Amino acid sequence: MEQVNMRGNPNNSSLMSKDRVESFSDGVFAIVMTLLVLELHVPEIADHSSFGQYAAAMAPLIPKFVSFVLSFVMVSIYWVNHHYFFRHLRSVPLGLVWLNNLFLLSICFLPFPTAFVGDHPTDQFPILLYGVNSLISTLAIYGLRSYASYKRLFTVDYESAKVLGPRNSIPAIVIYVLSIFLVFVNVYLSLGCFLLVPVLYFVPNLIRFQ
């Protein structure tokens, strides 16, 4: 038990306030979610146009809207997981802070590939870029969880439950790696992988609460 305490409670000089890290992270999440919607521009159309003309003008925005919703859902999932992860930490050493900054870097970059996919929804490079960015985000989450588990930074109750341990990131990592390879085979299969990740998150939760 003494070893656990030593590993789970680093020197105070190397710690940062959890509230400060969470507040900074929440600000980044909020800005990224706002930036995502800025790519949805109102189409130019004459006043008093018919319903059909409005529908025709809106049709090109469908890929942008789908990519926006997908990215918004994924950022929301990351935000929820991030909240529960930090909620059950004993302390936040600087190593964890910089891993968190790496994760936030990948989240900040997400609006770019999202806009890219929205403009070119069937091209290989934008889909590849989206998959790589998503993989980096998931690997960063895996790194956060692995670091906290190794350093035994979790509270006792949370550590015993292992609700958000490193293993929970593996399915998403596998799917994003698969999406990167599939983009050279069939872009629609790669896009399907992106949709599969949130499904894997929501379906077990829905079953759990039924």
N, C-alpha and C. Protein backbone atom coordinates (compact mmCIF):
# COMPACT_ATOMS: atom_id res chain seq x y z
N MET A 1 0.83 -1.20 0.00
CA MET A 1 0.00 0.00 0.00
C MET A 1 0.86 1.25 0.00
N GLU A 2 1.99 1.20 0.64
CA GLU A 2 2.87 2.34 0.69
C GLU A 2 3.38 2.70 -0.70
N GLN A 3 3.65 1.65 -1.51
CA GLN A 3 4.14 1.89 -2.86
C GLN A 3 3.06 2.57 -3.69
N VAL A 4 1.81 2.14 -3.50
CA VAL A 4 0.71 2.74 -4.23
C VAL A 4 0.61 4.22 -3.94
N ASN A 5 0.73 4.57 -2.66
CA ASN A 5 0.62 5.97 -2.28
C ASN A 5 1.75 6.80 -2.89
N MET A 6 2.96 6.19 -2.94
CA MET A 6 4.10 6.92 -3.49
C MET A 6 3.90 7.16 -4.98
N ARG A 7 3.38 6.16 -5.68
CA ARG A 7 3.19 6.30 -7.11
C ARG A 7 1.95 7.13 -7.43
N GLY A 8 0.97 7.07 -6.57
CA GLY A 8 -0.27 7.78 -6.83
C GLY A 8 -0.26 9.20 -6.35
N ASN A 9 0.76 9.62 -5.60
CA ASN A 9 0.83 10.98 -5.09
C ASN A 9 2.20 11.57 -5.37
N PRO A 10 2.41 12.09 -6.56
CA PRO A 10 3.71 12.66 -6.92
C PRO A 10 4.01 13.89 -6.07
N ASN A 11 5.25 14.33 -6.19
CA ASN A 11 5.67 15.53 -5.49
C ASN A 11 4.77 16.70 -5.89
N ASN A 12 4.34 17.50 -4.90
CA ASN A 12 3.41 18.59 -5.16
C ASN A 12 3.94 19.58 -6.18
N SER A 13 5.27 19.71 -6.29
CA SER A 13 5.84 20.67 -7.22
C SER A 13 5.61 20.27 -8.68
N SER A 14 5.28 18.98 -8.93
CA SER A 14 5.05 18.51 -10.29
C SER A 14 3.58 18.33 -10.58
N LEU A 15 2.71 18.83 -9.71
CA LEU A 15 1.27 18.68 -9.89
C LEU A 15 0.65 19.97 -10.41
N MET A 16 -0.50 19.80 -11.07
CA MET A 16 -1.29 20.95 -11.50
C MET A 16 -2.72 20.75 -11.01
N SER A 17 -3.41 21.82 -10.76
CA SER A 17 -4.78 21.76 -10.28
C SER A 17 -5.67 21.08 -11.32
N LYS A 18 -6.49 20.11 -10.87
CA LYS A 18 -7.43 19.46 -11.78
C LYS A 18 -8.41 20.47 -12.36
N ASP A 19 -8.87 21.39 -11.53
CA ASP A 19 -9.84 22.38 -11.99
C ASP A 19 -9.27 23.23 -13.12
N ARG A 20 -7.98 23.57 -13.01
CA ARG A 20 -7.35 24.39 -14.06
C ARG A 20 -7.27 23.62 -15.37
N VAL A 21 -6.88 22.36 -15.30
CA VAL A 21 -6.77 21.55 -16.52
C VAL A 21 -8.13 21.33 -17.14
N GLU A 22 -9.14 21.03 -16.32
CA GLU A 22 -10.48 20.79 -16.84
C GLU A 22 -11.09 22.05 -17.43
N SER A 23 -10.87 23.18 -16.80
CA SER A 23 -11.42 24.44 -17.31
C SER A 23 -10.81 24.78 -18.66
N PHE A 24 -9.48 24.61 -18.76
CA PHE A 24 -8.80 24.87 -20.03
C PHE A 24 -9.31 23.92 -21.11
N SER A 25 -9.45 22.65 -20.76
CA SER A 25 -9.92 21.65 -21.73
C SER A 25 -11.35 21.93 -22.17
N ASP A 26 -12.21 22.28 -21.22
CA ASP A 26 -13.60 22.59 -21.57
C ASP A 26 -13.67 23.78 -22.52
N GLY A 27 -12.80 24.77 -22.32
CA GLY A 27 -12.76 25.92 -23.22
C GLY A 27 -12.38 25.51 -24.63
N VAL A 28 -11.41 24.61 -24.74
CA VAL A 28 -10.99 24.12 -26.06
C VAL A 28 -12.12 23.36 -26.73
N PHE A 29 -12.77 22.48 -25.98
CA PHE A 29 -13.90 21.72 -26.54
C PHE A 29 -14.98 22.67 -27.06
N ALA A 30 -15.31 23.69 -26.27
CA ALA A 30 -16.36 24.64 -26.67
C ALA A 30 -15.99 25.38 -27.94
N ILE A 31 -14.74 25.80 -28.06
CA ILE A 31 -14.29 26.52 -29.25
C ILE A 31 -14.33 25.62 -30.48
N VAL A 32 -13.87 24.38 -30.32
CA VAL A 32 -13.85 23.44 -31.45
C VAL A 32 -15.27 23.16 -31.93
N MET A 33 -16.21 22.96 -31.00
CA MET A 33 -17.60 22.71 -31.40
C MET A 33 -18.18 23.90 -32.14
N THR A 34 -17.77 25.10 -31.76
CA THR A 34 -18.24 26.30 -32.44
C THR A 34 -17.64 26.39 -33.84
N LEU A 35 -16.35 26.08 -33.96
CA LEU A 35 -15.68 26.16 -35.25
C LEU A 35 -16.27 25.17 -36.25
N LEU A 36 -16.73 24.02 -35.77
CA LEU A 36 -17.28 23.01 -36.67
C LEU A 36 -18.47 23.55 -37.47
N VAL A 37 -19.34 24.30 -36.80
CA VAL A 37 -20.57 24.76 -37.46
C VAL A 37 -20.30 25.92 -38.41
N LEU A 38 -19.16 26.57 -38.29
CA LEU A 38 -18.87 27.72 -39.15
C LEU A 38 -18.70 27.33 -40.61
N GLU A 39 -18.49 26.04 -40.88
CA GLU A 39 -18.35 25.58 -42.26
C GLU A 39 -19.70 25.44 -42.96
N LEU A 40 -20.79 25.56 -42.21
CA LEU A 40 -22.13 25.46 -42.80
C LEU A 40 -22.58 26.87 -43.20
N HIS A 41 -22.32 27.25 -44.44
CA HIS A 41 -22.66 28.57 -44.92
C HIS A 41 -24.05 28.57 -45.58
N VAL A 42 -24.81 29.61 -45.33
CA VAL A 42 -26.13 29.74 -45.94
C VAL A 42 -25.96 29.91 -47.45
N PRO A 43 -26.65 29.09 -48.25
CA PRO A 43 -26.48 29.19 -49.72
C PRO A 43 -27.08 30.50 -50.24
N GLU A 44 -26.51 30.98 -51.34
CA GLU A 44 -27.05 32.18 -51.98
C GLU A 44 -28.24 31.80 -52.85
N ILE A 45 -29.37 32.41 -52.56
CA ILE A 45 -30.59 32.11 -53.30
C ILE A 45 -31.47 33.36 -53.31
N ALA A 46 -32.19 33.56 -54.38
CA ALA A 46 -33.02 34.76 -54.53
C ALA A 46 -34.19 34.74 -53.55
N ASP A 47 -34.62 35.92 -53.16
CA ASP A 47 -35.79 36.03 -52.29
C ASP A 47 -37.02 35.47 -52.99
N HIS A 48 -37.93 34.97 -52.17
CA HIS A 48 -39.21 34.43 -52.65
C HIS A 48 -39.03 33.24 -53.59
N SER A 49 -37.93 32.51 -53.42
CA SER A 49 -37.74 31.30 -54.22
C SER A 49 -38.69 30.22 -53.75
N SER A 50 -38.94 29.25 -54.61
CA SER A 50 -39.84 28.16 -54.27
C SER A 50 -39.18 27.17 -53.32
N PHE A 51 -40.00 26.31 -52.73
CA PHE A 51 -39.48 25.28 -51.83
C PHE A 51 -38.49 24.38 -52.56
N GLY A 52 -38.79 24.05 -53.80
CA GLY A 52 -37.91 23.20 -54.58
C GLY A 52 -36.57 23.86 -54.85
N GLN A 53 -36.59 25.17 -55.09
CA GLN A 53 -35.34 25.89 -55.32
C GLN A 53 -34.48 25.94 -54.06
N TYR A 54 -35.15 26.10 -52.90
CA TYR A 54 -34.40 26.06 -51.64
C TYR A 54 -33.81 24.67 -51.41
N ALA A 55 -34.59 23.64 -51.70
CA ALA A 55 -34.10 22.27 -51.53
C ALA A 55 -32.91 22.00 -52.43
N ALA A 56 -32.98 22.50 -53.67
CA ALA A 56 -31.87 22.31 -54.60
C ALA A 56 -30.62 23.05 -54.13
N ALA A 57 -30.81 24.23 -53.55
CA ALA A 57 -29.67 25.01 -53.06
C ALA A 57 -29.06 24.38 -51.82
N MET A 58 -29.89 23.71 -51.02
CA MET A 58 -29.40 23.08 -49.79
C MET A 58 -28.74 21.73 -50.04
N ALA A 59 -29.05 21.09 -51.14
CA ALA A 59 -28.55 19.73 -51.41
C ALA A 59 -27.03 19.62 -51.34
N PRO A 60 -26.28 20.59 -51.90
CA PRO A 60 -24.81 20.47 -51.81
C PRO A 60 -24.27 20.54 -50.38
N LEU A 61 -25.10 21.03 -49.45
CA LEU A 61 -24.65 21.14 -48.06
C LEU A 61 -24.80 19.83 -47.29
N ILE A 62 -25.46 18.85 -47.87
CA ILE A 62 -25.70 17.59 -47.15
C ILE A 62 -24.40 16.93 -46.69
N PRO A 63 -23.37 16.78 -47.55
CA PRO A 63 -22.11 16.19 -47.06
C PRO A 63 -21.49 17.00 -45.92
N LYS A 64 -21.56 18.33 -46.02
CA LYS A 64 -21.03 19.18 -44.96
C LYS A 64 -21.80 18.97 -43.66
N PHE A 65 -23.12 18.87 -43.77
CA PHE A 65 -23.94 18.68 -42.58
C PHE A 65 -23.64 17.34 -41.93
N VAL A 66 -23.51 16.28 -42.74
CA VAL A 66 -23.22 14.94 -42.20
C VAL A 66 -21.86 14.93 -41.51
N SER A 67 -20.84 15.52 -42.14
CA SER A 67 -19.51 15.55 -41.52
C SER A 67 -19.52 16.39 -40.25
N PHE A 68 -20.31 17.48 -40.24
CA PHE A 68 -20.43 18.31 -39.04
C PHE A 68 -21.06 17.52 -37.90
N VAL A 69 -22.16 16.82 -38.17
CA VAL A 69 -22.84 16.05 -37.13
C VAL A 69 -21.94 14.95 -36.59
N LEU A 70 -21.26 14.24 -37.48
CA LEU A 70 -20.36 13.16 -37.05
C LEU A 70 -19.26 13.70 -36.16
N SER A 71 -18.63 14.79 -36.57
CA SER A 71 -17.54 15.36 -35.76
C SER A 71 -18.06 15.93 -34.45
N PHE A 72 -19.24 16.55 -34.48
CA PHE A 72 -19.82 17.09 -33.25
C PHE A 72 -20.10 15.97 -32.26
N VAL A 73 -20.65 14.86 -32.76
CA VAL A 73 -20.93 13.71 -31.89
C VAL A 73 -19.64 13.16 -31.30
N MET A 74 -18.60 13.04 -32.13
CA MET A 74 -17.33 12.49 -31.63
C MET A 74 -16.69 13.41 -30.60
N VAL A 75 -16.72 14.73 -30.84
CA VAL A 75 -16.17 15.66 -29.86
C VAL A 75 -16.96 15.58 -28.56
N SER A 76 -18.27 15.42 -28.68
CA SER A 76 -19.12 15.27 -27.48
C SER A 76 -18.74 14.02 -26.70
N ILE A 77 -18.49 12.93 -27.41
CA ILE A 77 -18.08 11.68 -26.75
C ILE A 77 -16.75 11.87 -26.05
N TYR A 78 -15.81 12.50 -26.75
CA TYR A 78 -14.50 12.78 -26.13
C TYR A 78 -14.66 13.64 -24.88
N TRP A 79 -15.54 14.63 -24.97
CA TRP A 79 -15.74 15.54 -23.83
C TRP A 79 -16.31 14.81 -22.62
N VAL A 80 -17.31 13.95 -22.86
CA VAL A 80 -17.91 13.18 -21.76
C VAL A 80 -16.87 12.25 -21.13
N ASN A 81 -16.13 11.52 -21.96
CA ASN A 81 -15.10 10.62 -21.44
C ASN A 81 -14.01 11.39 -20.70
N HIS A 82 -13.65 12.54 -21.24
CA HIS A 82 -12.64 13.39 -20.61
C HIS A 82 -13.10 13.84 -19.23
N HIS A 83 -14.37 14.19 -19.11
CA HIS A 83 -14.92 14.63 -17.83
C HIS A 83 -14.85 13.53 -16.78
N TYR A 84 -15.31 12.34 -17.13
CA TYR A 84 -15.31 11.24 -16.16
C TYR A 84 -13.90 10.76 -15.85
N PHE A 85 -13.01 10.88 -16.83
CA PHE A 85 -11.63 10.50 -16.59
C PHE A 85 -11.01 11.39 -15.51
N PHE A 86 -11.13 12.70 -15.67
CA PHE A 86 -10.52 13.62 -14.71
C PHE A 86 -11.27 13.64 -13.38
N ARG A 87 -12.54 13.33 -13.41
CA ARG A 87 -13.33 13.31 -12.18
C ARG A 87 -12.79 12.29 -11.20
N HIS A 88 -12.21 11.20 -11.71
CA HIS A 88 -11.77 10.11 -10.84
C HIS A 88 -10.25 10.03 -10.72
N LEU A 89 -9.57 11.13 -10.90
CA LEU A 89 -8.12 11.18 -10.70
C LEU A 89 -7.79 11.71 -9.32
N ARG A 90 -6.76 11.12 -8.72
CA ARG A 90 -6.27 11.63 -7.42
C ARG A 90 -5.56 12.96 -7.62
N SER A 91 -4.73 13.03 -8.68
CA SER A 91 -3.90 14.20 -8.91
C SER A 91 -3.55 14.26 -10.40
N VAL A 92 -3.00 15.40 -10.81
CA VAL A 92 -2.66 15.61 -12.21
C VAL A 92 -1.20 16.03 -12.32
N PRO A 93 -0.29 15.08 -12.52
CA PRO A 93 1.13 15.43 -12.71
C PRO A 93 1.35 16.04 -14.08
N LEU A 94 2.52 16.66 -14.25
CA LEU A 94 2.80 17.37 -15.50
C LEU A 94 2.82 16.45 -16.72
N GLY A 95 3.23 15.19 -16.50
CA GLY A 95 3.23 14.24 -17.62
C GLY A 95 1.83 14.08 -18.18
N LEU A 96 0.85 14.00 -17.30
CA LEU A 96 -0.54 13.86 -17.73
C LEU A 96 -1.03 15.15 -18.39
N VAL A 97 -0.57 16.29 -17.89
CA VAL A 97 -0.96 17.57 -18.47
C VAL A 97 -0.53 17.65 -19.93
N TRP A 98 0.71 17.23 -20.23
CA TRP A 98 1.19 17.32 -21.60
C TRP A 98 0.56 16.28 -22.51
N LEU A 99 0.22 15.12 -21.97
CA LEU A 99 -0.55 14.15 -22.76
C LEU A 99 -1.94 14.73 -23.07
N ASN A 100 -2.51 15.43 -22.11
CA ASN A 100 -3.81 16.07 -22.33
C ASN A 100 -3.69 17.16 -23.39
N ASN A 101 -2.59 17.91 -23.38
CA ASN A 101 -2.38 18.95 -24.39
C ASN A 101 -2.25 18.34 -25.79
N LEU A 102 -1.60 17.17 -25.88
CA LEU A 102 -1.50 16.48 -27.16
C LEU A 102 -2.87 16.06 -27.65
N PHE A 103 -3.70 15.58 -26.74
CA PHE A 103 -5.06 15.21 -27.09
C PHE A 103 -5.84 16.43 -27.59
N LEU A 104 -5.72 17.55 -26.88
CA LEU A 104 -6.43 18.77 -27.28
C LEU A 104 -5.93 19.29 -28.62
N LEU A 105 -4.64 19.08 -28.92
CA LEU A 105 -4.11 19.48 -30.22
C LEU A 105 -4.84 18.75 -31.35
N SER A 106 -5.04 17.46 -31.18
CA SER A 106 -5.74 16.69 -32.21
C SER A 106 -7.20 17.11 -32.32
N ILE A 107 -7.81 17.48 -31.19
CA ILE A 107 -9.19 17.94 -31.22
C ILE A 107 -9.29 19.29 -31.93
N CYS A 108 -8.33 20.17 -31.67
CA CYS A 108 -8.33 21.49 -32.31
C CYS A 108 -8.19 21.38 -33.83
N PHE A 109 -7.49 20.36 -34.30
CA PHE A 109 -7.27 20.20 -35.74
C PHE A 109 -8.50 19.62 -36.44
N LEU A 110 -9.42 19.01 -35.69
CA LEU A 110 -10.54 18.28 -36.27
C LEU A 110 -11.40 19.11 -37.23
N PRO A 111 -11.68 20.41 -36.97
CA PRO A 111 -12.51 21.17 -37.93
C PRO A 111 -11.95 21.19 -39.35
N PHE A 112 -10.62 21.11 -39.49
CA PHE A 112 -10.03 21.15 -40.84
C PHE A 112 -10.38 19.91 -41.66
N PRO A 113 -10.07 18.68 -41.18
CA PRO A 113 -10.48 17.52 -41.98
C PRO A 113 -11.98 17.37 -42.10
N THR A 114 -12.73 17.89 -41.10
CA THR A 114 -14.19 17.85 -41.20
C THR A 114 -14.66 18.68 -42.38
N ALA A 115 -14.12 19.89 -42.52
CA ALA A 115 -14.47 20.74 -43.66
C ALA A 115 -13.99 20.13 -44.98
N PHE A 116 -12.83 19.50 -44.93
CA PHE A 116 -12.25 18.87 -46.12
C PHE A 116 -13.15 17.74 -46.62
N VAL A 117 -13.60 16.89 -45.70
CA VAL A 117 -14.50 15.79 -46.07
C VAL A 117 -15.84 16.33 -46.55
N GLY A 118 -16.32 17.41 -45.92
CA GLY A 118 -17.58 18.00 -46.35
C GLY A 118 -17.53 18.52 -47.78
N ASP A 119 -16.37 19.06 -48.18
CA ASP A 119 -16.21 19.56 -49.55
C ASP A 119 -15.91 18.46 -50.56
N HIS A 120 -15.23 17.39 -50.11
CA HIS A 120 -14.84 16.31 -51.03
C HIS A 120 -15.15 14.96 -50.35
N PRO A 121 -16.44 14.61 -50.21
CA PRO A 121 -16.83 13.45 -49.40
C PRO A 121 -16.45 12.09 -49.95
N THR A 122 -16.04 12.02 -51.21
CA THR A 122 -15.68 10.71 -51.79
C THR A 122 -14.23 10.66 -52.25
N ASP A 123 -13.43 11.63 -51.87
CA ASP A 123 -12.01 11.64 -52.26
C ASP A 123 -11.16 10.97 -51.18
N GLN A 124 -10.11 10.30 -51.62
CA GLN A 124 -9.28 9.52 -50.69
C GLN A 124 -8.57 10.38 -49.66
N PHE A 125 -7.91 11.45 -50.12
CA PHE A 125 -7.05 12.20 -49.20
C PHE A 125 -7.81 12.83 -48.03
N PRO A 126 -8.94 13.53 -48.27
CA PRO A 126 -9.66 14.09 -47.12
C PRO A 126 -10.12 13.03 -46.12
N ILE A 127 -10.57 11.88 -46.64
CA ILE A 127 -11.02 10.81 -45.75
C ILE A 127 -9.84 10.22 -44.99
N LEU A 128 -8.70 10.07 -45.67
CA LEU A 128 -7.49 9.59 -45.01
C LEU A 128 -7.07 10.55 -43.90
N LEU A 129 -7.10 11.84 -44.19
CA LEU A 129 -6.71 12.84 -43.20
C LEU A 129 -7.64 12.80 -41.98
N TYR A 130 -8.93 12.64 -42.23
CA TYR A 130 -9.90 12.55 -41.14
C TYR A 130 -9.62 11.31 -40.28
N GLY A 131 -9.33 10.18 -40.94
CA GLY A 131 -9.04 8.95 -40.21
C GLY A 131 -7.77 9.05 -39.39
N VAL A 132 -6.73 9.66 -39.95
CA VAL A 132 -5.47 9.82 -39.21
C VAL A 132 -5.67 10.71 -38.00
N ASN A 133 -6.39 11.82 -38.19
CA ASN A 133 -6.63 12.74 -37.07
C ASN A 133 -7.45 12.06 -35.96
N SER A 134 -8.46 11.29 -36.36
CA SER A 134 -9.27 10.57 -35.39
C SER A 134 -8.46 9.52 -34.65
N LEU A 135 -7.56 8.85 -35.38
CA LEU A 135 -6.70 7.85 -34.75
C LEU A 135 -5.78 8.50 -33.72
N ILE A 136 -5.21 9.65 -34.07
CA ILE A 136 -4.33 10.36 -33.13
C ILE A 136 -5.09 10.75 -31.87
N SER A 137 -6.32 11.24 -32.03
CA SER A 137 -7.14 11.60 -30.87
C SER A 137 -7.39 10.41 -29.97
N THR A 138 -7.71 9.28 -30.58
CA THR A 138 -8.00 8.07 -29.80
C THR A 138 -6.74 7.53 -29.13
N LEU A 139 -5.62 7.58 -29.83
CA LEU A 139 -4.35 7.16 -29.24
C LEU A 139 -3.97 8.05 -28.06
N ALA A 140 -4.29 9.35 -28.17
CA ALA A 140 -4.00 10.27 -27.07
C ALA A 140 -4.84 9.93 -25.85
N ILE A 141 -6.12 9.60 -26.07
CA ILE A 141 -6.97 9.17 -24.96
C ILE A 141 -6.42 7.89 -24.34
N TYR A 142 -5.99 6.96 -25.20
CA TYR A 142 -5.38 5.72 -24.71
C TYR A 142 -4.15 6.03 -23.87
N GLY A 143 -3.34 6.99 -24.33
CA GLY A 143 -2.15 7.37 -23.58
C GLY A 143 -2.50 7.96 -22.22
N LEU A 144 -3.52 8.79 -22.17
CA LEU A 144 -3.97 9.37 -20.89
C LEU A 144 -4.38 8.27 -19.92
N ARG A 145 -5.18 7.34 -20.41
CA ARG A 145 -5.67 6.26 -19.54
C ARG A 145 -4.54 5.33 -19.10
N SER A 146 -3.62 5.05 -20.03
CA SER A 146 -2.51 4.16 -19.69
C SER A 146 -1.59 4.82 -18.67
N TYR A 147 -1.31 6.11 -18.86
CA TYR A 147 -0.45 6.83 -17.92
C TYR A 147 -1.07 6.86 -16.53
N ALA A 148 -2.37 7.17 -16.48
CA ALA A 148 -3.05 7.23 -15.18
C ALA A 148 -3.09 5.86 -14.50
N SER A 149 -3.28 4.81 -15.29
CA SER A 149 -3.30 3.46 -14.71
C SER A 149 -1.92 3.06 -14.21
N TYR A 150 -0.89 3.36 -15.00
CA TYR A 150 0.47 2.99 -14.62
C TYR A 150 0.91 3.73 -13.36
N LYS A 151 0.57 5.02 -13.29
CA LYS A 151 0.95 5.83 -12.14
C LYS A 151 -0.03 5.67 -10.97
N ARG A 152 -1.08 4.89 -11.19
CA ARG A 152 -2.10 4.66 -10.16
C ARG A 152 -2.67 5.98 -9.65
N LEU A 153 -3.12 6.78 -10.59
CA LEU A 153 -3.67 8.08 -10.26
C LEU A 153 -5.17 8.05 -10.01
N PHE A 154 -5.80 6.93 -10.35
CA PHE A 154 -7.24 6.83 -10.16
C PHE A 154 -7.59 6.68 -8.68
N THR A 155 -8.80 7.11 -8.32
CA THR A 155 -9.31 6.84 -6.99
C THR A 155 -9.55 5.34 -6.85
N VAL A 156 -9.65 4.85 -5.63
CA VAL A 156 -9.78 3.41 -5.39
C VAL A 156 -11.03 2.86 -6.04
N ASP A 157 -12.18 3.53 -5.86
CA ASP A 157 -13.45 3.04 -6.40
C ASP A 157 -13.40 2.96 -7.92
N TYR A 158 -12.82 3.99 -8.53
CA TYR A 158 -12.76 4.04 -9.99
C TYR A 158 -11.79 3.01 -10.53
N GLU A 159 -10.69 2.82 -9.84
CA GLU A 159 -9.69 1.86 -10.29
C GLU A 159 -10.25 0.44 -10.24
N SER A 160 -11.03 0.14 -9.21
CA SER A 160 -11.59 -1.20 -9.10
C SER A 160 -12.66 -1.45 -10.15
N ALA A 161 -13.40 -0.40 -10.52
CA ALA A 161 -14.45 -0.56 -11.53
C ALA A 161 -13.87 -0.68 -12.93
N LYS A 162 -12.76 0.01 -13.21
CA LYS A 162 -12.10 -0.02 -14.52
C LYS A 162 -13.08 0.33 -15.65
N VAL A 163 -13.93 1.32 -15.39
CA VAL A 163 -14.94 1.69 -16.37
C VAL A 163 -14.32 2.31 -17.61
N LEU A 164 -13.28 3.12 -17.41
CA LEU A 164 -12.66 3.79 -18.55
C LEU A 164 -11.16 3.50 -18.58
N GLY A 165 -10.80 2.25 -18.43
CA GLY A 165 -9.40 1.86 -18.50
C GLY A 165 -8.90 1.90 -19.93
N PRO A 166 -7.59 1.70 -20.12
CA PRO A 166 -6.99 1.77 -21.47
C PRO A 166 -7.62 0.81 -22.47
N ARG A 167 -8.07 -0.35 -22.00
CA ARG A 167 -8.63 -1.34 -22.93
C ARG A 167 -9.85 -0.82 -23.67
N ASN A 168 -10.57 0.11 -23.07
CA ASN A 168 -11.79 0.62 -23.69
C ASN A 168 -11.50 1.46 -24.94
N SER A 169 -10.26 1.89 -25.12
CA SER A 169 -9.90 2.66 -26.32
C SER A 169 -9.51 1.77 -27.49
N ILE A 170 -9.24 0.50 -27.22
CA ILE A 170 -8.71 -0.39 -28.27
C ILE A 170 -9.68 -0.58 -29.43
N PRO A 171 -10.99 -0.83 -29.20
CA PRO A 171 -11.89 -1.00 -30.35
C PRO A 171 -11.86 0.19 -31.31
N ALA A 172 -11.89 1.42 -30.77
CA ALA A 172 -11.87 2.60 -31.64
C ALA A 172 -10.53 2.71 -32.38
N ILE A 173 -9.44 2.37 -31.70
CA ILE A 173 -8.12 2.39 -32.36
C ILE A 173 -8.10 1.43 -33.54
N VAL A 174 -8.60 0.22 -33.32
CA VAL A 174 -8.63 -0.79 -34.39
C VAL A 174 -9.48 -0.31 -35.57
N ILE A 175 -10.62 0.28 -35.27
CA ILE A 175 -11.52 0.73 -36.33
C ILE A 175 -10.89 1.86 -37.14
N TYR A 176 -10.24 2.81 -36.46
CA TYR A 176 -9.63 3.92 -37.19
C TYR A 176 -8.43 3.45 -38.01
N VAL A 177 -7.66 2.50 -37.50
CA VAL A 177 -6.56 1.93 -38.29
C VAL A 177 -7.14 1.24 -39.53
N LEU A 178 -8.24 0.50 -39.34
CA LEU A 178 -8.89 -0.17 -40.46
C LEU A 178 -9.40 0.85 -41.49
N SER A 179 -9.93 1.97 -41.00
CA SER A 179 -10.45 3.00 -41.92
C SER A 179 -9.33 3.56 -42.79
N ILE A 180 -8.14 3.67 -42.23
CA ILE A 180 -7.00 4.21 -42.99
C ILE A 180 -6.60 3.25 -44.11
N PHE A 181 -6.62 1.96 -43.82
CA PHE A 181 -6.28 0.99 -44.86
C PHE A 181 -7.40 0.88 -45.90
N LEU A 182 -8.65 0.95 -45.44
CA LEU A 182 -9.79 0.78 -46.35
C LEU A 182 -9.96 1.94 -47.31
N VAL A 183 -9.41 3.11 -46.97
CA VAL A 183 -9.57 4.25 -47.85
C VAL A 183 -8.92 4.00 -49.20
N PHE A 184 -7.92 3.08 -49.25
CA PHE A 184 -7.25 2.75 -50.50
C PHE A 184 -7.96 1.61 -51.24
N VAL A 185 -8.99 1.05 -50.58
CA VAL A 185 -9.77 -0.03 -51.19
C VAL A 185 -11.12 0.50 -51.66
N ASN A 186 -11.84 1.13 -50.72
CA ASN A 186 -13.16 1.68 -51.01
C ASN A 186 -13.45 2.77 -49.99
N VAL A 187 -13.65 3.99 -50.46
CA VAL A 187 -13.82 5.12 -49.54
C VAL A 187 -15.10 4.98 -48.71
N TYR A 188 -16.10 4.30 -49.25
CA TYR A 188 -17.36 4.16 -48.51
C TYR A 188 -17.19 3.23 -47.32
N LEU A 189 -16.33 2.22 -47.46
CA LEU A 189 -16.04 1.36 -46.32
C LEU A 189 -15.32 2.14 -45.23
N SER A 190 -14.43 3.03 -45.65
CA SER A 190 -13.71 3.86 -44.69
C SER A 190 -14.68 4.81 -43.98
N LEU A 191 -15.59 5.42 -44.72
CA LEU A 191 -16.60 6.28 -44.11
C LEU A 191 -17.49 5.50 -43.14
N GLY A 192 -17.78 4.25 -43.49
CA GLY A 192 -18.58 3.41 -42.61
C GLY A 192 -17.89 3.17 -41.28
N CYS A 193 -16.57 3.08 -41.30
CA CYS A 193 -15.81 2.91 -40.05
C CYS A 193 -16.00 4.11 -39.13
N PHE A 194 -16.04 5.31 -39.72
CA PHE A 194 -16.23 6.51 -38.91
C PHE A 194 -17.58 6.49 -38.21
N LEU A 195 -18.60 5.97 -38.89
CA LEU A 195 -19.93 5.89 -38.30
C LEU A 195 -20.02 4.80 -37.25
N LEU A 196 -19.18 3.77 -37.39
CA LEU A 196 -19.23 2.64 -36.46
C LEU A 196 -18.76 3.01 -35.06
N VAL A 197 -17.80 3.92 -34.96
CA VAL A 197 -17.23 4.28 -33.64
C VAL A 197 -18.28 4.84 -32.69
N PRO A 198 -19.08 5.86 -33.08
CA PRO A 198 -20.11 6.33 -32.15
C PRO A 198 -21.17 5.28 -31.85
N VAL A 199 -21.43 4.39 -32.82
CA VAL A 199 -22.39 3.31 -32.56
C VAL A 199 -21.90 2.42 -31.43
N LEU A 200 -20.60 2.09 -31.44
CA LEU A 200 -20.02 1.27 -30.38
C LEU A 200 -20.08 1.97 -29.02
N TYR A 201 -20.13 3.29 -29.05
CA TYR A 201 -20.22 4.04 -27.79
C TYR A 201 -21.65 4.06 -27.26
N PHE A 202 -22.61 4.35 -28.14
CA PHE A 202 -23.98 4.56 -27.68
C PHE A 202 -24.74 3.26 -27.43
N VAL A 203 -24.55 2.25 -28.27
CA VAL A 203 -25.34 1.02 -28.14
C VAL A 203 -25.13 0.34 -26.79
N PRO A 204 -23.88 0.12 -26.32
CA PRO A 204 -23.72 -0.49 -24.98
C PRO A 204 -24.36 0.34 -23.87
N ASN A 205 -24.32 1.67 -23.99
CA ASN A 205 -24.94 2.52 -22.98
C ASN A 205 -26.45 2.39 -22.99
N LEU A 206 -27.02 2.30 -24.20
CA LEU A 206 -28.47 2.14 -24.29
C LEU A 206 -28.90 0.78 -23.69
N ILE A 207 -28.13 -0.26 -23.98
CA ILE A 207 -28.46 -1.59 -23.45
C ILE A 207 -28.33 -1.60 -21.94
N ARG A 208 -27.31 -0.90 -21.42
CA ARG A 208 -27.04 -0.88 -19.98
C ARG A 208 -28.20 -0.24 -19.22
N PHE A 209 -28.86 0.76 -19.81
CA PHE A 209 -29.89 1.50 -19.08
C PHE A 209 -31.30 1.02 -19.41
N GLN A 210 -31.42 -0.04 -20.21
CA GLN A 210 -32.75 -0.58 -20.49
C GLN A 210 -33.25 -1.44 -19.33
